[in-house]
Amino acid sequence: MNDPFRDPLNSPLGKPSAYIDQYDASLLFPIPRAPKRAEIGVQSDTAPFFGADMWTAFELSWLNRKGKPQVALAHITVPAESTHIVESKSFKLYLNSFNNTPFTDAAEVQQRIRTDISAAIWHGGLMRASVGVRILLPEMFDREPVYEMDGLSLDRLDIECKHYTPAPELLTAALDELPVSETLTSNLLKSNCLVTGQPDWASVQIAYSGPQIEQEGLLQYLVSFRNHNEFHEQCVERIFMDIWTRCQPVKLAVYARYTRRGGLDINPFRTSHPMALPGNVRVARQ
């Protein structure tokens, strides 16, 4: 089935919205991954990365069969091989539609979310993988830890920054020296919403094996996203591809945890090699 491009400008972002409190899956607004991937030289069927987008929903509520409100958190894992992402405001509106809707139990809510988001991310095409959904009820809230990302912080470097739109030419690596394996982190990643221009703040972790990446240039490169307008998932894939092509690592994983907006955070992870997903564990700013 051909997949017509759904322009983000037609999404609920930046527009007044009626907050519907009765269940309505049609509120979900899928956006195809392909156009933005084409910008960075990636064809979805031959992408050099695997991974997922890990969402946390902090504002999930519904009614039980007696009309009593229930509250929960939800972890939702969207596979990177899906043809579409879900625009985040539409996701929030969709979750709000549960607010005055009776469900038998959390398992029914979990299955409904899994079914609806799975349908949205394949948007009428062949569904090759469903989303993962984990519901956490209040008795599990105190098991939700807060950890900072492991790795050597690039933010320790006293650098001069002049670029505030993506500048991949800042990336270099010691291609003629022995390879290394290291994990680097930064809290200085900031981009802007593709539609509204509102700031998106993130911490990022870059783990790789291969020619050693010049750290000052890498940090300057990450800072260069500061005025860039793109969705979270697209920024992480752009970072991955710029490092992959310019620094030529043998293995690479890029993981960003963005601060929440509207009760949702999005945490994209992309890796060049099969590996377990990182735990969906929030950092302090989330």
Protein backbone atom coordinates (compact mmCIF):
# COMPACT_ATOMS: atom_id res chain seq x y z
CA MET A 1 0.00 0.00 0.00
CA ASN A 2 1.40 3.41 -0.94
CA ASP A 3 1.87 5.65 2.07
CA PRO A 4 0.89 9.28 1.44
CA PHE A 5 3.14 11.79 3.20
CA ARG A 6 1.46 13.25 6.24
CA ASP A 7 2.88 16.75 6.59
CA PRO A 8 3.74 17.62 10.24
CA LEU A 9 2.27 21.06 9.56
CA ASN A 10 -1.13 19.34 9.37
CA SER A 11 -0.66 17.74 12.80
CA PRO A 12 -2.19 19.14 16.04
CA LEU A 13 1.15 20.79 16.91
CA GLY A 14 0.89 24.52 17.50
CA LYS A 15 -2.89 24.57 17.05
CA PRO A 16 -5.72 24.95 19.56
CA SER A 17 -7.03 21.50 20.41
CA ALA A 18 -10.20 20.18 21.94
CA TYR A 19 -9.33 17.77 24.74
CA ILE A 20 -11.54 14.76 24.12
CA ASP A 21 -11.95 12.57 27.20
CA GLN A 22 -13.69 9.62 25.56
CA TYR A 23 -11.50 7.01 23.90
CA ASP A 24 -10.65 7.91 20.29
CA ALA A 25 -7.81 6.17 18.43
CA SER A 26 -8.33 8.44 15.41
CA LEU A 27 -6.54 11.23 17.32
CA LEU A 28 -3.18 9.58 16.58
CA PHE A 29 -1.26 11.36 13.80
CA PRO A 30 1.36 9.17 12.06
CA ILE A 31 4.26 10.85 10.25
CA PRO A 32 6.39 8.80 7.82
CA ARG A 33 10.06 8.33 8.64
CA ALA A 34 11.17 8.11 5.00
CA PRO A 35 11.34 11.80 3.96
CA LYS A 36 13.63 12.83 6.81
CA ARG A 37 15.72 9.69 6.43
CA ALA A 38 16.20 10.50 2.76
CA GLU A 39 17.72 13.85 3.80
CA ILE A 40 20.53 12.02 5.59
CA GLY A 41 21.04 9.40 2.88
CA VAL A 42 19.14 6.55 4.52
CA GLN A 43 16.68 4.22 2.85
CA SER A 44 14.51 2.60 5.51
CA ASP A 45 14.95 -0.92 4.10
CA THR A 46 18.76 -0.62 4.14
CA ALA A 47 19.33 1.61 7.17
CA PRO A 48 22.70 0.99 8.87
CA PHE A 49 21.06 1.06 12.30
CA PHE A 50 18.62 -0.80 14.51
CA GLY A 51 16.89 0.45 17.62
CA ALA A 52 13.72 1.88 19.06
CA ASP A 53 12.04 5.01 20.34
CA MET A 54 11.26 4.58 24.01
CA TRP A 55 8.41 6.72 25.31
CA THR A 56 7.31 7.34 28.88
CA ALA A 57 3.75 8.49 29.54
CA PHE A 58 3.49 10.16 32.94
CA GLU A 59 -0.16 11.21 32.66
CA LEU A 60 -2.19 8.06 32.03
CA SER A 61 -5.62 7.70 33.62
CA TRP A 62 -8.92 5.91 32.98
CA LEU A 63 -12.03 4.82 34.87
CA ASN A 64 -12.68 1.38 36.27
CA ARG A 65 -16.07 -0.27 35.75
CA LYS A 66 -17.40 1.50 38.87
CA GLY A 67 -16.35 4.88 37.51
CA LYS A 68 -13.42 5.29 39.89
CA PRO A 69 -10.36 6.99 38.32
CA GLN A 70 -7.19 4.94 37.94
CA VAL A 71 -3.69 6.33 37.34
CA ALA A 72 -0.54 4.73 35.96
CA LEU A 73 2.70 5.30 34.10
CA ALA A 74 3.38 3.64 30.78
CA HIS A 75 6.58 2.68 28.97
CA ILE A 76 6.00 2.37 25.22
CA THR A 77 8.67 1.03 22.84
CA VAL A 78 8.33 1.83 19.13
CA PRO A 79 10.64 -0.17 16.83
CA ALA A 80 12.92 1.93 14.63
CA GLU A 81 12.06 -0.19 11.59
CA SER A 82 8.46 1.06 11.64
CA THR A 83 7.45 3.17 8.65
CA HIS A 84 6.02 5.98 10.80
CA ILE A 85 6.47 7.84 14.05
CA VAL A 86 3.54 9.22 16.06
CA GLU A 87 3.45 12.99 16.47
CA SER A 88 3.77 13.65 20.19
CA LYS A 89 0.87 16.07 20.73
CA SER A 90 -1.48 13.65 18.97
CA PHE A 91 -0.16 10.94 21.31
CA LYS A 92 -1.00 13.15 24.30
CA LEU A 93 -4.50 13.87 22.96
CA TYR A 94 -5.00 10.14 22.38
CA LEU A 95 -3.98 9.28 25.95
CA ASN A 96 -6.25 12.05 27.28
CA SER A 97 -9.15 10.34 25.53
CA PHE A 98 -8.84 7.53 28.08
CA ASN A 99 -9.60 9.90 30.98
CA ASN A 100 -13.36 9.35 31.21
CA THR A 101 -13.49 5.97 29.50
CA PRO A 102 -14.24 2.82 31.56
CA PHE A 103 -11.91 -0.17 31.16
CA THR A 104 -11.97 -3.49 32.94
CA ASP A 105 -8.39 -3.29 34.15
CA ALA A 106 -4.86 -2.15 33.31
CA ALA A 107 -4.38 -5.15 31.02
CA GLU A 108 -7.21 -3.92 28.80
CA VAL A 109 -5.65 -0.45 28.66
CA GLN A 110 -2.27 -1.98 27.84
CA GLN A 111 -3.70 -4.03 24.97
CA ARG A 112 -5.64 -1.07 23.58
CA ILE A 113 -2.51 1.12 23.52
CA ARG A 114 -0.46 -1.66 21.94
CA THR A 115 -3.06 -2.25 19.21
CA ASP A 116 -3.59 1.43 18.38
CA ILE A 117 0.05 2.55 18.37
CA SER A 118 1.10 -0.54 16.40
CA ALA A 119 -1.49 0.32 13.75
CA ALA A 120 -0.36 3.96 13.64
CA ILE A 121 3.37 3.28 13.21
CA TRP A 122 2.73 1.01 10.21
CA HIS A 123 -0.15 3.22 8.94
CA GLY A 124 -1.94 0.72 6.75
CA GLY A 125 1.16 -1.19 5.65
CA LEU A 126 2.36 -4.64 6.64
CA MET A 127 2.87 -4.75 10.42
CA ARG A 128 6.27 -6.36 10.94
CA ALA A 129 6.55 -5.69 14.68
CA SER A 130 4.21 -4.40 17.36
CA VAL A 131 5.07 -1.84 19.99
CA GLY A 132 5.95 -2.86 23.51
CA VAL A 133 3.74 -1.49 26.29
CA ARG A 134 4.36 -1.76 30.02
CA ILE A 135 1.86 -0.30 32.49
CA LEU A 136 3.10 0.65 35.96
CA LEU A 137 0.44 1.01 38.63
CA PRO A 138 0.97 3.24 41.71
CA GLU A 139 2.33 0.43 43.87
CA MET A 140 5.25 0.22 41.41
CA PHE A 141 6.06 3.93 41.27
CA ASP A 142 8.80 3.79 43.89
CA ARG A 143 10.66 1.22 41.76
CA GLU A 144 11.24 3.84 39.05
CA PRO A 145 14.88 4.91 39.52
CA VAL A 146 16.67 8.05 38.33
CA TYR A 147 20.16 7.51 36.90
CA GLU A 148 22.48 9.63 34.82
CA MET A 149 23.96 8.11 31.68
CA ASP A 150 27.20 6.16 32.03
CA GLY A 151 30.27 7.44 30.21
CA LEU A 152 32.95 10.11 30.10
CA SER A 153 31.34 13.56 30.05
CA LEU A 154 32.27 15.74 27.10
CA ASP A 155 30.91 18.72 29.02
CA ARG A 156 34.14 18.89 31.04
CA LEU A 157 35.86 20.36 27.97
CA ASP A 158 36.39 24.13 27.84
CA ILE A 159 35.52 24.70 24.20
CA GLU A 160 34.58 27.64 22.01
CA CYS A 161 31.24 27.24 20.24
CA LYS A 162 30.38 29.10 17.05
CA HIS A 163 27.98 26.78 15.24
CA TYR A 164 24.30 26.49 16.18
CA THR A 165 22.99 24.57 13.19
CA PRO A 166 24.30 21.05 12.48
CA ALA A 167 27.93 21.19 11.39
CA PRO A 168 29.11 17.62 10.63
CA GLU A 169 32.42 19.01 9.35
CA LEU A 170 33.38 19.43 13.02
CA LEU A 171 33.60 15.63 13.37
CA THR A 172 37.01 14.04 12.95
CA ALA A 173 38.64 10.79 14.05
CA ALA A 174 42.18 9.38 14.21
CA LEU A 175 41.76 7.08 11.21
CA ASP A 176 45.49 6.18 11.11
CA GLU A 177 45.80 5.18 14.78
CA LEU A 178 44.85 2.09 16.78
CA PRO A 179 41.09 1.77 17.40
CA VAL A 180 39.51 2.41 20.79
CA SER A 181 36.25 1.61 22.53
CA GLU A 182 34.67 4.32 24.65
CA THR A 183 31.40 5.80 25.82
CA LEU A 184 30.92 9.57 25.82
CA THR A 185 28.05 11.65 27.20
CA SER A 186 26.77 15.22 27.12
CA ASN A 187 23.89 17.13 28.66
CA LEU A 188 24.22 19.95 26.12
CA LEU A 189 22.10 18.59 23.30
CA LYS A 190 19.27 20.97 22.45
CA SER A 191 17.15 21.13 19.33
CA ASN A 192 13.77 22.67 18.51
CA CYS A 193 10.40 21.24 17.53
CA LEU A 194 10.13 20.96 13.77
CA VAL A 195 6.73 22.72 13.73
CA THR A 196 6.49 25.03 16.75
CA GLY A 197 10.15 25.88 17.30
CA GLN A 198 9.80 25.16 21.03
CA PRO A 199 13.07 23.99 22.65
CA ASP A 200 13.74 20.28 23.17
CA TRP A 201 16.39 19.46 25.79
CA ALA A 202 18.29 16.18 25.96
CA SER A 203 21.18 14.20 27.36
CA VAL A 204 23.00 12.02 24.84
CA GLN A 205 25.26 8.98 25.08
CA ILE A 206 27.58 7.91 22.25
CA ALA A 207 29.24 4.49 22.51
CA TYR A 208 31.57 3.32 19.76
CA SER A 209 34.49 1.15 18.76
CA GLY A 210 36.89 2.28 16.05
CA PRO A 211 39.11 5.25 15.27
CA GLN A 212 39.17 7.57 18.26
CA ILE A 213 36.78 10.49 17.79
CA GLU A 214 38.21 13.93 18.53
CA GLN A 215 36.22 14.92 21.60
CA GLU A 216 36.24 18.72 21.32
CA GLY A 217 34.90 18.52 17.78
CA LEU A 218 32.24 16.01 18.86
CA LEU A 219 31.02 18.31 21.63
CA GLN A 220 30.99 21.30 19.29
CA TYR A 221 29.02 19.20 16.83
CA LEU A 222 26.41 18.26 19.46
CA VAL A 223 26.09 21.93 20.48
CA SER A 224 25.55 22.81 16.81
CA PHE A 225 22.03 21.34 17.00
CA ARG A 226 20.99 24.19 19.30
CA ASN A 227 18.94 26.11 16.71
CA HIS A 228 18.03 23.11 14.55
CA ASN A 229 14.35 22.27 13.99
CA GLU A 230 13.71 18.53 13.86
CA PHE A 231 11.86 15.86 15.81
CA HIS A 232 13.76 13.88 18.46
CA GLU A 233 13.93 10.67 16.44
CA GLN A 234 15.23 12.53 13.40
CA CYS A 235 17.94 14.35 15.36
CA VAL A 236 19.30 11.09 16.79
CA GLU A 237 19.39 9.46 13.35
CA ARG A 238 21.17 12.52 11.93
CA ILE A 239 23.77 12.35 14.72
CA PHE A 240 24.23 8.63 14.12
CA MET A 241 24.72 9.03 10.37
CA ASP A 242 27.10 11.99 10.65
CA ILE A 243 29.34 10.09 13.08
CA TRP A 244 29.01 6.87 11.08
CA THR A 245 30.08 8.44 7.79
CA ARG A 246 32.71 10.92 9.02
CA CYS A 247 34.38 9.00 11.86
CA GLN A 248 34.00 5.49 10.42
CA PRO A 249 33.50 3.52 13.64
CA VAL A 250 33.23 -0.26 13.51
CA LYS A 251 30.39 -0.15 16.01
CA LEU A 252 28.23 2.80 17.07
CA ALA A 253 25.27 3.41 19.37
CA VAL A 254 23.59 6.78 19.93
CA TYR A 255 21.04 7.20 22.72
CA ALA A 256 19.26 10.43 23.69
CA ARG A 257 16.89 11.07 26.56
CA TYR A 258 14.75 14.14 25.98
CA THR A 259 12.98 16.01 28.75
CA ARG A 260 9.26 15.49 28.89
CA ARG A 261 6.63 17.78 27.38
CA GLY A 262 2.91 17.37 27.92
CA GLY A 263 3.49 14.40 30.19
CA LEU A 264 5.53 12.49 27.56
CA ASP A 265 9.21 11.95 27.01
CA ILE A 266 10.80 10.38 23.91
CA ASN A 267 14.12 8.56 24.08
CA PRO A 268 15.47 7.37 20.72
CA PHE A 269 18.19 4.69 20.56
CA ARG A 270 20.05 3.71 17.39
CA THR A 271 22.79 1.09 17.10
CA SER A 272 24.81 -0.32 14.22
CA HIS A 273 24.79 -3.84 15.67
CA PRO A 274 22.19 -6.06 17.35
CA MET A 275 22.13 -5.49 21.10
CA ALA A 276 19.66 -5.21 23.94
CA LEU A 277 17.86 -1.92 24.30
CA PRO A 278 18.99 0.23 27.22
CA GLY A 279 16.65 0.32 30.17
CA ASN A 280 14.01 3.03 29.93
CA VAL A 281 15.39 4.75 33.05
CA ARG A 282 14.91 8.49 33.34
CA VAL A 283 17.64 10.99 34.05
CA ALA A 284 17.24 13.74 36.63
CA ARG A 285 16.02 16.38 34.17
CA GLN A 286 13.16 14.16 33.05
